[in-house]
Amino acid sequence: MSTFSKIVSRPIDFLTRTKVQEDEYFTHVDGVGSVPRDIYKYVKSNPIGDLPRYSVHIVIQHLLVFITFIFLAASGLPIYFSDLFWASYFVSLFGGIDVARSIHRIAAFIMMFAAAYHIITIAAGTIRKIYHHEFDYKRTQLPRLKDLFDLINDIKYFLGRAPYRPKMEKFMYKQKAHYLAIIWGNFILIAAGSVLLFPDIMAQLFPETLGKILPPAGADTDSYSAFFQDLARLMHADEAVMALILLAFWHWINVHLVPGRFPIQWTFLNGKITREHQIEEHFLEYLNNLKEIPAEREYMKNLLKELGIDGSKALSRADQNASFSQPVDAAPGEKT
């Protein structure tokens, strides 16, 4: 069966598609044509990546966070759970408890540097784009109401209640949830870790500050420092465990182990995304690339011609492999 025969035998046929379905299915791009929503099934994709997604700064920051997090979890959790049978084995791999603590602190400072590097990069990049009138909040990680609707429509798609996935931006609802989780996790880990790393400073800060804010109620204000030390220790360990579970069972599975990207997605190393992946999950960002990248615009234009879909949503009569018994002059919804 030819590629064209495949594309015209989709669940919602050209001949039975309503005007609303037609408008949702096709997106017209000037100089390219009308791009079908499921065109990702027919494009060429390099597993290493086709289109730009992340800058070199984001790639470096991701690598720093990834590497340091592994060292932080591997060195910190055995120290916290030192009474368990497996902890001593992991501590011995680092050369003892003192070496493990030193590695944990060094990795923590590198992660803090990566967080600061990220904030500076995002702030500077945003300012530059605003200055050049290039800033588009839709292409950022800022949550929007559309993300909620995208989630609902995506669930409908996976349940078979919708013919194709919603048209999503550069960052879809899953990526935004990942990003917010990382922000929250970094804040908790850095704040709680600082309390544990500088107990003397905190012991002076908490009684003096909280003693003025909270009523004494017969309690010794010196106990505030001990209370926050215990709270910080609990928060630091619990957040680390939750982050490890989130990373292993959500982030890695969603990013690397899903069909089409298994066993690894190379974006975190080269900053590129495959054409198929971007069209399927980030269709609106792909439309931006069609407008900004001449080579991609030419590629899609040629592909649409090959599939027999011209710029006015008409089907090619010349393709003898089409699954219609009668010639088709125009697709439903086409303006003549």
C-alpha atoms as a PDB file:
ATOM      1  CA  MET A   1       0.000   0.000   0.000  1.00  0.00           C
ATOM      2  CA  SER A   2       1.384   3.395  -0.946  1.00  0.00           C
ATOM      3  CA  THR A   3       2.002   6.187   1.567  1.00  0.00           C
ATOM      4  CA  PHE A   4      -0.870   8.107   0.022  1.00  0.00           C
ATOM      5  CA  SER A   5      -3.263   5.170   0.426  1.00  0.00           C
ATOM      6  CA  LYS A   6      -2.323   4.991   4.098  1.00  0.00           C
ATOM      7  CA  ILE A   7      -2.951   8.631   4.784  1.00  0.00           C
ATOM      8  CA  VAL A   8      -6.399   8.660   3.176  1.00  0.00           C
ATOM      9  CA  SER A   9      -7.581   5.552   5.036  1.00  0.00           C
ATOM     10  CA  ARG A  10      -7.408   7.091   8.517  1.00  0.00           C
ATOM     11  CA  PRO A  11     -10.313   6.748  11.048  1.00  0.00           C
ATOM     12  CA  ILE A  12     -11.996   9.971   9.912  1.00  0.00           C
ATOM     13  CA  ASP A  13     -12.088   9.760   6.124  1.00  0.00           C
ATOM     14  CA  PHE A  14     -11.753  12.797   3.887  1.00  0.00           C
ATOM     15  CA  LEU A  15     -15.167  12.130   2.397  1.00  0.00           C
ATOM     16  CA  THR A  16     -16.964  11.955   5.765  1.00  0.00           C
ATOM     17  CA  ARG A  17     -15.024  14.665   7.606  1.00  0.00           C
ATOM     18  CA  THR A  18     -17.131  17.604   8.810  1.00  0.00           C
ATOM     19  CA  LYS A  19     -16.033  21.216   8.434  1.00  0.00           C
ATOM     20  CA  VAL A  20     -15.053  21.374  12.133  1.00  0.00           C
ATOM     21  CA  GLN A  21     -13.067  18.139  11.856  1.00  0.00           C
ATOM     22  CA  GLU A  22     -11.420  19.426   8.692  1.00  0.00           C
ATOM     23  CA  ASP A  23     -10.315  22.647  10.386  1.00  0.00           C
ATOM     24  CA  GLU A  24      -8.972  20.717  13.371  1.00  0.00           C
ATOM     25  CA  TYR A  25      -7.206  18.157  11.236  1.00  0.00           C
ATOM     26  CA  PHE A  26      -5.489  20.523   8.783  1.00  0.00           C
ATOM     27  CA  THR A  27      -3.365  23.520   9.735  1.00  0.00           C
ATOM     28  CA  HIS A  28      -2.472  25.834   6.875  1.00  0.00           C
ATOM     29  CA  VAL A  29       1.067  27.254   6.817  1.00  0.00           C
ATOM     30  CA  ASP A  30       1.891  29.932   4.258  1.00  0.00           C
ATOM     31  CA  GLY A  31       4.447  28.735   1.732  1.00  0.00           C
ATOM     32  CA  VAL A  32       4.050  25.116   2.811  1.00  0.00           C
ATOM     33  CA  GLY A  33       0.453  23.976   2.530  1.00  0.00           C
ATOM     34  CA  SER A  34      -2.114  22.379   4.797  1.00  0.00           C
ATOM     35  CA  VAL A  35      -0.370  20.144   7.314  1.00  0.00           C
ATOM     36  CA  PRO A  36      -2.399  17.132   8.578  1.00  0.00           C
ATOM     37  CA  ARG A  37      -2.374  16.490  12.325  1.00  0.00           C
ATOM     38  CA  ASP A  38      -1.089  12.918  11.920  1.00  0.00           C
ATOM     39  CA  ILE A  39       1.660  13.746   9.433  1.00  0.00           C
ATOM     40  CA  TYR A  40       4.172  12.506  12.038  1.00  0.00           C
ATOM     41  CA  LYS A  41       3.359   8.954  10.897  1.00  0.00           C
ATOM     42  CA  TYR A  42       4.853   9.647   7.473  1.00  0.00           C
ATOM     43  CA  VAL A  43       7.902  11.827   8.101  1.00  0.00           C
ATOM     44  CA  LYS A  44      11.538  10.798   8.142  1.00  0.00           C
ATOM     45  CA  SER A  45      13.078  10.915  11.604  1.00  0.00           C
ATOM     46  CA  ASN A  46      16.677  10.577  12.687  1.00  0.00           C
ATOM     47  CA  PRO A  47      16.777   8.815  16.108  1.00  0.00           C
ATOM     48  CA  ILE A  48      19.593  11.167  17.121  1.00  0.00           C
ATOM     49  CA  GLY A  49      17.432  14.236  16.401  1.00  0.00           C
ATOM     50  CA  ASP A  50      16.299  16.458  13.546  1.00  0.00           C
ATOM     51  CA  LEU A  51      15.151  19.798  14.943  1.00  0.00           C
ATOM     52  CA  PRO A  52      16.485  22.184  17.611  1.00  0.00           C
ATOM     53  CA  ARG A  53      14.870  22.044  21.056  1.00  0.00           C
ATOM     54  CA  TYR A  54      17.357  23.114  23.751  1.00  0.00           C
ATOM     55  CA  SER A  55      20.261  25.542  23.759  1.00  0.00           C
ATOM     56  CA  VAL A  56      23.746  24.438  24.744  1.00  0.00           C
ATOM     57  CA  HIS A  57      23.206  26.149  28.118  1.00  0.00           C
ATOM     58  CA  ILE A  58      20.179  23.979  28.906  1.00  0.00           C
ATOM     59  CA  VAL A  59      22.085  20.842  27.846  1.00  0.00           C
ATOM     60  CA  ILE A  60      24.974  21.710  30.197  1.00  0.00           C
ATOM     61  CA  GLN A  61      22.593  22.534  33.061  1.00  0.00           C
ATOM     62  CA  HIS A  62      20.696  19.285  32.618  1.00  0.00           C
ATOM     63  CA  LEU A  63      23.914  17.261  32.636  1.00  0.00           C
ATOM     64  CA  LEU A  64      25.112  19.024  35.792  1.00  0.00           C
ATOM     65  CA  VAL A  65      21.833  18.397  37.599  1.00  0.00           C
ATOM     66  CA  PHE A  66      21.635  14.778  36.403  1.00  0.00           C
ATOM     67  CA  ILE A  67      25.199  13.851  37.387  1.00  0.00           C
ATOM     68  CA  THR A  68      25.152  15.655  40.726  1.00  0.00           C
ATOM     69  CA  PHE A  69      21.750  14.206  41.638  1.00  0.00           C
ATOM     70  CA  ILE A  70      23.069  10.671  41.130  1.00  0.00           C
ATOM     71  CA  PHE A  71      26.039  11.384  43.413  1.00  0.00           C
ATOM     72  CA  LEU A  72      23.836  13.146  45.962  1.00  0.00           C
ATOM     73  CA  ALA A  73      21.390  10.257  46.165  1.00  0.00           C
ATOM     74  CA  ALA A  74      24.110   7.599  46.202  1.00  0.00           C
ATOM     75  CA  SER A  75      26.090   9.322  48.974  1.00  0.00           C
ATOM     76  CA  GLY A  76      23.306  10.923  51.017  1.00  0.00           C
ATOM     77  CA  LEU A  77      20.682   8.185  51.376  1.00  0.00           C
ATOM     78  CA  PRO A  78      23.131   5.600  52.855  1.00  0.00           C
ATOM     79  CA  ILE A  79      24.163   8.191  55.451  1.00  0.00           C
ATOM     80  CA  TYR A  80      20.572   8.930  56.439  1.00  0.00           C
ATOM     81  CA  PHE A  81      19.574   5.251  56.484  1.00  0.00           C
ATOM     82  CA  SER A  82      22.816   4.139  58.115  1.00  0.00           C
ATOM     83  CA  ASP A  83      21.008   1.636  60.346  1.00  0.00           C
ATOM     84  CA  LEU A  84      19.817  -0.434  57.375  1.00  0.00           C
ATOM     85  CA  PHE A  85      21.759  -3.454  56.107  1.00  0.00           C
ATOM     86  CA  TRP A  86      22.573  -2.027  52.650  1.00  0.00           C
ATOM     87  CA  ALA A  87      23.827   1.384  53.814  1.00  0.00           C
ATOM     88  CA  SER A  88      27.278   0.309  54.986  1.00  0.00           C
ATOM     89  CA  TYR A  89      27.972  -1.326  51.626  1.00  0.00           C
ATOM     90  CA  PHE A  90      27.237   1.894  49.706  1.00  0.00           C
ATOM     91  CA  VAL A  91      29.226   4.007  52.151  1.00  0.00           C
ATOM     92  CA  SER A  92      32.221   1.695  51.733  1.00  0.00           C
ATOM     93  CA  LEU A  93      32.106   2.262  47.963  1.00  0.00           C
ATOM     94  CA  PHE A  94      32.898   5.927  48.623  1.00  0.00           C
ATOM     95  CA  GLY A  95      35.761   5.070  50.970  1.00  0.00           C
ATOM     96  CA  GLY A  96      34.030   5.691  54.276  1.00  0.00           C
ATOM     97  CA  ILE A  97      31.530   8.005  55.902  1.00  0.00           C
ATOM     98  CA  ASP A  98      33.781  11.094  55.851  1.00  0.00           C
ATOM     99  CA  VAL A  99      34.536  10.762  52.145  1.00  0.00           C
ATOM    100  CA  ALA A 100      30.848  10.185  51.399  1.00  0.00           C
ATOM    101  CA  ARG A 101      29.944  13.385  53.264  1.00  0.00           C
ATOM    102  CA  SER A 102      32.580  15.373  51.383  1.00  0.00           C
ATOM    103  CA  ILE A 103      31.362  14.063  48.023  1.00  0.00           C
ATOM    104  CA  HIS A 104      27.773  14.841  49.017  1.00  0.00           C
ATOM    105  CA  ARG A 105      28.632  18.449  49.870  1.00  0.00           C
ATOM    106  CA  ILE A 106      30.688  19.013  46.728  1.00  0.00           C
ATOM    107  CA  ALA A 107      27.885  17.636  44.568  1.00  0.00           C
ATOM    108  CA  ALA A 108      25.405  19.849  46.442  1.00  0.00           C
ATOM    109  CA  PHE A 109      27.391  22.990  45.676  1.00  0.00           C
ATOM    110  CA  ILE A 110      27.659  22.000  41.991  1.00  0.00           C
ATOM    111  CA  MET A 111      23.889  21.496  41.851  1.00  0.00           C
ATOM    112  CA  MET A 112      23.372  24.904  43.467  1.00  0.00           C
ATOM    113  CA  PHE A 113      25.665  26.384  40.825  1.00  0.00           C
ATOM    114  CA  ALA A 114      23.607  24.667  38.105  1.00  0.00           C
ATOM    115  CA  ALA A 115      20.416  26.133  39.586  1.00  0.00           C
ATOM    116  CA  ALA A 116      21.929  29.626  39.640  1.00  0.00           C
ATOM    117  CA  TYR A 117      23.269  29.117  36.109  1.00  0.00           C
ATOM    118  CA  HIS A 118      19.776  28.157  34.972  1.00  0.00           C
ATOM    119  CA  ILE A 119      18.123  31.183  36.584  1.00  0.00           C
ATOM    120  CA  ILE A 120      20.662  33.562  35.040  1.00  0.00           C
ATOM    121  CA  THR A 121      20.303  31.927  31.610  1.00  0.00           C
ATOM    122  CA  ILE A 122      16.503  32.070  31.675  1.00  0.00           C
ATOM    123  CA  ALA A 123      16.452  35.670  32.926  1.00  0.00           C
ATOM    124  CA  ALA A 124      19.058  36.883  30.427  1.00  0.00           C
ATOM    125  CA  GLY A 125      17.424  35.035  27.531  1.00  0.00           C
ATOM    126  CA  THR A 126      13.999  36.427  28.394  1.00  0.00           C
ATOM    127  CA  ILE A 127      15.318  39.983  28.627  1.00  0.00           C
ATOM    128  CA  ARG A 128      17.094  39.615  25.279  1.00  0.00           C
ATOM    129  CA  LYS A 129      13.963  38.267  23.578  1.00  0.00           C
ATOM    130  CA  ILE A 130      11.790  41.006  25.038  1.00  0.00           C
ATOM    131  CA  TYR A 131      14.277  43.623  23.850  1.00  0.00           C
ATOM    132  CA  HIS A 132      14.224  42.186  20.316  1.00  0.00           C
ATOM    133  CA  HIS A 133      10.429  41.693  20.412  1.00  0.00           C
ATOM    134  CA  GLU A 134      10.862  37.926  20.108  1.00  0.00           C
ATOM    135  CA  PHE A 135       9.471  36.796  23.456  1.00  0.00           C
ATOM    136  CA  ASP A 136       6.525  34.399  23.279  1.00  0.00           C
ATOM    137  CA  TYR A 137       5.231  33.152  26.630  1.00  0.00           C
ATOM    138  CA  LYS A 138       3.533  30.249  24.861  1.00  0.00           C
ATOM    139  CA  ARG A 139       6.985  28.763  24.195  1.00  0.00           C
ATOM    140  CA  THR A 140       7.988  28.916  27.875  1.00  0.00           C
ATOM    141  CA  GLN A 141       7.381  26.662  30.879  1.00  0.00           C
ATOM    142  CA  LEU A 142       4.750  29.038  32.281  1.00  0.00           C
ATOM    143  CA  PRO A 143       1.588  27.036  33.117  1.00  0.00           C
ATOM    144  CA  ARG A 144      -1.533  27.940  31.141  1.00  0.00           C
ATOM    145  CA  LEU A 145      -5.178  26.945  31.199  1.00  0.00           C
ATOM    146  CA  LYS A 146      -4.548  25.319  27.817  1.00  0.00           C
ATOM    147  CA  ASP A 147      -2.340  22.750  29.553  1.00  0.00           C
ATOM    148  CA  LEU A 148      -5.349  21.493  31.521  1.00  0.00           C
ATOM    149  CA  PHE A 149      -7.413  21.142  28.350  1.00  0.00           C
ATOM    150  CA  ASP A 150      -4.470  19.433  26.632  1.00  0.00           C
ATOM    151  CA  LEU A 151      -4.307  16.915  29.476  1.00  0.00           C
ATOM    152  CA  ILE A 152      -8.036  16.210  29.231  1.00  0.00           C
ATOM    153  CA  ASN A 153      -7.919  15.848  25.447  1.00  0.00           C
ATOM    154  CA  ASP A 154      -4.813  13.676  25.627  1.00  0.00           C
ATOM    155  CA  ILE A 155      -6.613  11.324  28.019  1.00  0.00           C
ATOM    156  CA  LYS A 156      -9.515  11.190  25.556  1.00  0.00           C
ATOM    157  CA  TYR A 157      -7.062  10.281  22.797  1.00  0.00           C
ATOM    158  CA  PHE A 158      -5.491   7.442  24.782  1.00  0.00           C
ATOM    159  CA  LEU A 159      -8.952   6.150  25.681  1.00  0.00           C
ATOM    160  CA  GLY A 160      -9.931   6.142  22.012  1.00  0.00           C
ATOM    161  CA  ARG A 161     -12.376   9.032  22.392  1.00  0.00           C
ATOM    162  CA  ALA A 162     -10.442  11.379  20.095  1.00  0.00           C
ATOM    163  CA  PRO A 163      -8.894  10.648  16.669  1.00  0.00           C
ATOM    164  CA  TYR A 164      -5.594  12.428  17.358  1.00  0.00           C
ATOM    165  CA  ARG A 165      -3.688  14.175  20.113  1.00  0.00           C
ATOM    166  CA  PRO A 166      -4.210  17.859  20.948  1.00  0.00           C
ATOM    167  CA  LYS A 167      -1.959  20.466  19.347  1.00  0.00           C
ATOM    168  CA  MET A 168       0.559  21.278  22.068  1.00  0.00           C
ATOM    169  CA  GLU A 169       3.294  23.879  22.471  1.00  0.00           C
ATOM    170  CA  LYS A 170       7.059  23.491  22.866  1.00  0.00           C
ATOM    171  CA  PHE A 171       6.497  22.362  26.444  1.00  0.00           C
ATOM    172  CA  MET A 172       3.449  20.186  27.032  1.00  0.00           C
ATOM    173  CA  TYR A 173       1.718  19.626  30.358  1.00  0.00           C
ATOM    174  CA  LYS A 174       4.045  16.743  31.324  1.00  0.00           C
ATOM    175  CA  GLN A 175       7.199  18.791  30.850  1.00  0.00           C
ATOM    176  CA  LYS A 176       5.737  21.677  32.825  1.00  0.00           C
ATOM    177  CA  ALA A 177       4.837  19.299  35.662  1.00  0.00           C
ATOM    178  CA  HIS A 178       8.399  17.921  35.601  1.00  0.00           C
ATOM    179  CA  TYR A 179       9.815  21.436  35.660  1.00  0.00           C
ATOM    180  CA  LEU A 180       7.654  22.602  38.581  1.00  0.00           C
ATOM    181  CA  ALA A 181       8.575  19.450  40.494  1.00  0.00           C
ATOM    182  CA  ILE A 182      12.282  20.154  39.966  1.00  0.00           C
ATOM    183  CA  ILE A 183      11.880  23.758  41.132  1.00  0.00           C
ATOM    184  CA  TRP A 184      10.070  22.648  44.279  1.00  0.00           C
ATOM    185  CA  GLY A 185      12.506  19.821  44.930  1.00  0.00           C
ATOM    186  CA  ASN A 186      15.582  22.006  44.507  1.00  0.00           C
ATOM    187  CA  PHE A 187      14.153  24.632  46.833  1.00  0.00           C
ATOM    188  CA  ILE A 188      13.423  22.076  49.575  1.00  0.00           C
ATOM    189  CA  LEU A 189      16.749  20.273  49.211  1.00  0.00           C
ATOM    190  CA  ILE A 190      18.823  23.464  49.170  1.00  0.00           C
ATOM    191  CA  ALA A 191      16.944  25.093  52.057  1.00  0.00           C
ATOM    192  CA  ALA A 192      16.938  22.000  54.260  1.00  0.00           C
ATOM    193  CA  GLY A 193      20.503  21.114  53.308  1.00  0.00           C
ATOM    194  CA  SER A 194      21.701  24.593  54.257  1.00  0.00           C
ATOM    195  CA  VAL A 195      20.101  24.230  57.688  1.00  0.00           C
ATOM    196  CA  LEU A 196      21.940  20.943  58.183  1.00  0.00           C
ATOM    197  CA  LEU A 197      25.234  22.234  56.802  1.00  0.00           C
ATOM    198  CA  PHE A 198      25.315  25.404  58.925  1.00  0.00           C
ATOM    199  CA  PRO A 199      23.733  24.357  62.250  1.00  0.00           C
ATOM    200  CA  ASP A 200      25.510  27.031  64.306  1.00  0.00           C
ATOM    201  CA  ILE A 201      24.187  29.876  62.182  1.00  0.00           C
ATOM    202  CA  MET A 202      20.687  28.411  62.247  1.00  0.00           C
ATOM    203  CA  ALA A 203      20.872  27.837  66.002  1.00  0.00           C
ATOM    204  CA  GLN A 204      21.460  31.563  66.438  1.00  0.00           C
ATOM    205  CA  LEU A 205      18.955  32.634  63.793  1.00  0.00           C
ATOM    206  CA  PHE A 206      15.899  30.620  64.780  1.00  0.00           C
ATOM    207  CA  PRO A 207      15.655  31.380  68.525  1.00  0.00           C
ATOM    208  CA  GLU A 208      16.313  35.077  68.021  1.00  0.00           C
ATOM    209  CA  THR A 209      13.885  35.468  65.106  1.00  0.00           C
ATOM    210  CA  LEU A 210      11.104  33.087  66.057  1.00  0.00           C
ATOM    211  CA  GLY A 211      11.201  34.161  69.685  1.00  0.00           C
ATOM    212  CA  LYS A 212      10.008  37.591  68.548  1.00  0.00           C
ATOM    213  CA  ILE A 213       7.323  36.225  66.212  1.00  0.00           C
ATOM    214  CA  LEU A 214       5.813  33.272  68.095  1.00  0.00           C
ATOM    215  CA  PRO A 215       4.310  33.514  71.609  1.00  0.00           C
ATOM    216  CA  PRO A 216       6.515  31.870  74.225  1.00  0.00           C
ATOM    217  CA  ALA A 217       3.688  29.671  75.622  1.00  0.00           C
ATOM    218  CA  GLY A 218       6.060  28.569  78.348  1.00  0.00           C
ATOM    219  CA  ALA A 219       8.419  26.961  75.874  1.00  0.00           C
ATOM    220  CA  ASP A 220      12.147  27.480  75.823  1.00  0.00           C
ATOM    221  CA  THR A 221      13.009  29.437  72.659  1.00  0.00           C
ATOM    222  CA  ASP A 222      16.280  27.503  72.378  1.00  0.00           C
ATOM    223  CA  SER A 223      14.217  24.485  71.341  1.00  0.00           C
ATOM    224  CA  TYR A 224      13.339  26.229  68.080  1.00  0.00           C
ATOM    225  CA  SER A 225      16.778  25.466  66.656  1.00  0.00           C
ATOM    226  CA  ALA A 226      16.563  21.771  67.579  1.00  0.00           C
ATOM    227  CA  PHE A 227      13.070  21.560  66.143  1.00  0.00           C
ATOM    228  CA  PHE A 228      14.124  23.024  62.793  1.00  0.00           C
ATOM    229  CA  GLN A 229      17.203  20.817  62.661  1.00  0.00           C
ATOM    230  CA  ASP A 230      14.978  17.745  62.984  1.00  0.00           C
ATOM    231  CA  LEU A 231      12.487  19.165  60.492  1.00  0.00           C
ATOM    232  CA  ALA A 232      15.245  19.954  57.977  1.00  0.00           C
ATOM    233  CA  ARG A 233      16.690  16.441  58.316  1.00  0.00           C
ATOM    234  CA  LEU A 234      13.267  14.911  57.682  1.00  0.00           C
ATOM    235  CA  MET A 235      12.471  17.231  54.759  1.00  0.00           C
ATOM    236  CA  HIS A 236      15.866  16.708  53.132  1.00  0.00           C
ATOM    237  CA  ALA A 237      15.679  12.914  53.208  1.00  0.00           C
ATOM    238  CA  ASP A 238      12.004  12.617  52.259  1.00  0.00           C
ATOM    239  CA  GLU A 239      12.384  15.018  49.339  1.00  0.00           C
ATOM    240  CA  ALA A 240      15.451  13.105  48.135  1.00  0.00           C
ATOM    241  CA  VAL A 241      13.531   9.799  48.188  1.00  0.00           C
ATOM    242  CA  MET A 242      10.557  11.356  46.409  1.00  0.00           C
ATOM    243  CA  ALA A 243      12.833  12.946  43.789  1.00  0.00           C
ATOM    244  CA  LEU A 244      14.547   9.600  43.177  1.00  0.00           C
ATOM    245  CA  ILE A 245      11.203   7.846  42.705  1.00  0.00           C
ATOM    246  CA  LEU A 246       9.967  10.669  40.454  1.00  0.00           C
ATOM    247  CA  LEU A 247      13.124  10.521  38.352  1.00  0.00           C
ATOM    248  CA  ALA A 248      13.143   6.745  37.953  1.00  0.00           C
ATOM    249  CA  PHE A 249       9.454   5.988  37.558  1.00  0.00           C
ATOM    250  CA  TRP A 250       8.117   9.095  35.871  1.00  0.00           C
ATOM    251  CA  HIS A 251      10.763  11.173  34.155  1.00  0.00           C
ATOM    252  CA  TRP A 252      12.902   8.379  32.728  1.00  0.00           C
ATOM    253  CA  ILE A 253       9.907   6.302  31.649  1.00  0.00           C
ATOM    254  CA  ASN A 254       8.109   9.252  30.023  1.00  0.00           C
ATOM    255  CA  VAL A 255      11.217  10.602  28.326  1.00  0.00           C
ATOM    256  CA  HIS A 256      13.386   7.620  27.415  1.00  0.00           C
ATOM    257  CA  LEU A 257      11.477   4.342  27.740  1.00  0.00           C
ATOM    258  CA  VAL A 258       8.312   5.150  25.802  1.00  0.00           C
ATOM    259  CA  PRO A 259       7.751   3.588  22.340  1.00  0.00           C
ATOM    260  CA  GLY A 260       9.528   5.495  19.603  1.00  0.00           C
ATOM    261  CA  ARG A 261      12.282   6.785  21.910  1.00  0.00           C
ATOM    262  CA  PHE A 262      13.431   3.608  23.675  1.00  0.00           C
ATOM    263  CA  PRO A 263      16.112   3.031  24.874  1.00  0.00           C
ATOM    264  CA  ILE A 264      17.176   6.671  25.014  1.00  0.00           C
ATOM    265  CA  GLN A 265      16.176  10.073  23.754  1.00  0.00           C
ATOM    266  CA  TRP A 266      19.250  12.031  22.707  1.00  0.00           C
ATOM    267  CA  THR A 267      17.823  15.504  23.355  1.00  0.00           C
ATOM    268  CA  PHE A 268      19.587  15.827  26.712  1.00  0.00           C
ATOM    269  CA  LEU A 269      22.947  15.390  24.965  1.00  0.00           C
ATOM    270  CA  ASN A 270      22.593  17.265  21.672  1.00  0.00           C
ATOM    271  CA  GLY A 271      19.610  19.555  22.276  1.00  0.00           C
ATOM    272  CA  LYS A 272      17.736  18.129  19.263  1.00  0.00           C
ATOM    273  CA  ILE A 273      14.371  16.404  18.980  1.00  0.00           C
ATOM    274  CA  THR A 274      13.201  13.976  16.315  1.00  0.00           C
ATOM    275  CA  ARG A 275      10.796  15.300  13.716  1.00  0.00           C
ATOM    276  CA  GLU A 276       8.234  12.584  14.509  1.00  0.00           C
ATOM    277  CA  HIS A 277       8.288  13.311  18.238  1.00  0.00           C
ATOM    278  CA  GLN A 278       7.952  17.053  17.823  1.00  0.00           C
ATOM    279  CA  ILE A 279       5.021  16.820  15.417  1.00  0.00           C
ATOM    280  CA  GLU A 280       3.204  14.287  17.594  1.00  0.00           C
ATOM    281  CA  GLU A 281       3.637  15.946  20.994  1.00  0.00           C
ATOM    282  CA  HIS A 282       4.633  19.532  20.139  1.00  0.00           C
ATOM    283  CA  PHE A 283       2.707  20.251  16.964  1.00  0.00           C
ATOM    284  CA  LEU A 284       2.451  24.017  17.553  1.00  0.00           C
ATOM    285  CA  GLU A 285       6.209  24.245  18.078  1.00  0.00           C
ATOM    286  CA  TYR A 286       6.710  22.363  14.817  1.00  0.00           C
ATOM    287  CA  LEU A 287       4.609  25.007  13.068  1.00  0.00           C
ATOM    288  CA  ASN A 288       6.971  27.630  14.513  1.00  0.00           C
ATOM    289  CA  ASN A 289       9.913  25.690  13.079  1.00  0.00           C
ATOM    290  CA  LEU A 290       8.226  25.621   9.670  1.00  0.00           C
ATOM    291  CA  LYS A 291       8.110  29.396   9.776  1.00  0.00           C
ATOM    292  CA  GLU A 292      11.665  29.837  11.093  1.00  0.00           C
ATOM    293  CA  ILE A 293      13.668  27.069   9.365  1.00  0.00           C
ATOM    294  CA  PRO A 294      13.675  27.270   5.529  1.00  0.00           C
ATOM    295  CA  ALA A 295      15.032  23.729   5.090  1.00  0.00           C
ATOM    296  CA  GLU A 296      12.244  22.259   7.198  1.00  0.00           C
ATOM    297  CA  ARG A 297       9.661  24.297   5.347  1.00  0.00           C
ATOM    298  CA  GLU A 298      10.921  22.907   2.046  1.00  0.00           C
ATOM    299  CA  TYR A 299      10.967  19.357   3.399  1.00  0.00           C
ATOM    300  CA  MET A 300       7.337  19.494   4.535  1.00  0.00           C
ATOM    301  CA  LYS A 301       6.225  21.167   1.325  1.00  0.00           C
ATOM    302  CA  ASN A 302       7.770  18.337  -0.726  1.00  0.00           C
ATOM    303  CA  LEU A 303       6.286  15.697   1.585  1.00  0.00           C
ATOM    304  CA  LEU A 304       2.784  17.109   1.203  1.00  0.00           C
ATOM    305  CA  LYS A 305       3.205  17.033  -2.572  1.00  0.00           C
ATOM    306  CA  GLU A 306       4.356  13.434  -2.375  1.00  0.00           C
ATOM    307  CA  LEU A 307       1.282  12.545  -0.322  1.00  0.00           C
ATOM    308  CA  GLY A 308      -0.997  14.359  -2.746  1.00  0.00           C
ATOM    309  CA  ILE A 309      -2.065  17.137  -0.382  1.00  0.00           C
ATOM    310  CA  ASP A 310      -1.681  20.564  -1.983  1.00  0.00           C
ATOM    311  CA  GLY A 311      -1.850  23.960  -0.355  1.00  0.00           C
ATOM    312  CA  SER A 312      -5.639  24.204  -0.584  1.00  0.00           C
ATOM    313  CA  LYS A 313      -6.335  20.880   1.154  1.00  0.00           C
ATOM    314  CA  ALA A 314      -7.122  19.147  -2.157  1.00  0.00           C
ATOM    315  CA  LEU A 315      -6.133  15.590  -2.911  1.00  0.00           C
ATOM    316  CA  SER A 316      -4.053  14.727  -5.963  1.00  0.00           C
ATOM    317  CA  ARG A 317      -6.099  13.118  -8.741  1.00  0.00           C
ATOM    318  CA  ALA A 318      -2.962  11.780 -10.350  1.00  0.00           C
ATOM    319  CA  ASP A 319      -2.295   9.252  -7.574  1.00  0.00           C
ATOM    320  CA  GLN A 320      -3.746   5.993  -8.909  1.00  0.00           C
ATOM    321  CA  ASN A 321      -3.357   4.277  -5.550  1.00  0.00           C
ATOM    322  CA  ALA A 322      -5.973   6.417  -3.789  1.00  0.00           C
ATOM    323  CA  SER A 323      -8.693   4.392  -2.109  1.00  0.00           C
ATOM    324  CA  PHE A 324     -11.567   6.246  -3.837  1.00  0.00           C
ATOM    325  CA  SER A 325     -13.622   4.768  -6.642  1.00  0.00           C
ATOM    326  CA  GLN A 326     -14.486   8.215  -8.052  1.00  0.00           C
ATOM    327  CA  PRO A 327     -12.179  11.180  -8.724  1.00  0.00           C
ATOM    328  CA  VAL A 328     -12.040  13.756  -5.933  1.00  0.00           C
ATOM    329  CA  ASP A 329     -12.078  17.387  -6.956  1.00  0.00           C
ATOM    330  CA  ALA A 330     -11.694  18.872  -3.478  1.00  0.00           C
ATOM    331  CA  ALA A 331     -11.645  17.801   0.116  1.00  0.00           C
ATOM    332  CA  PRO A 332     -14.667  18.728   2.267  1.00  0.00           C
ATOM    333  CA  GLY A 333     -14.359  22.225   3.644  1.00  0.00           C
ATOM    334  CA  GLU A 334     -12.167  23.473   0.813  1.00  0.00           C
ATOM    335  CA  LYS A 335     -13.004  26.921  -0.422  1.00  0.00           C
ATOM    336  CA  THR A 336     -13.399  27.071  -4.203  1.00  0.00           C
END
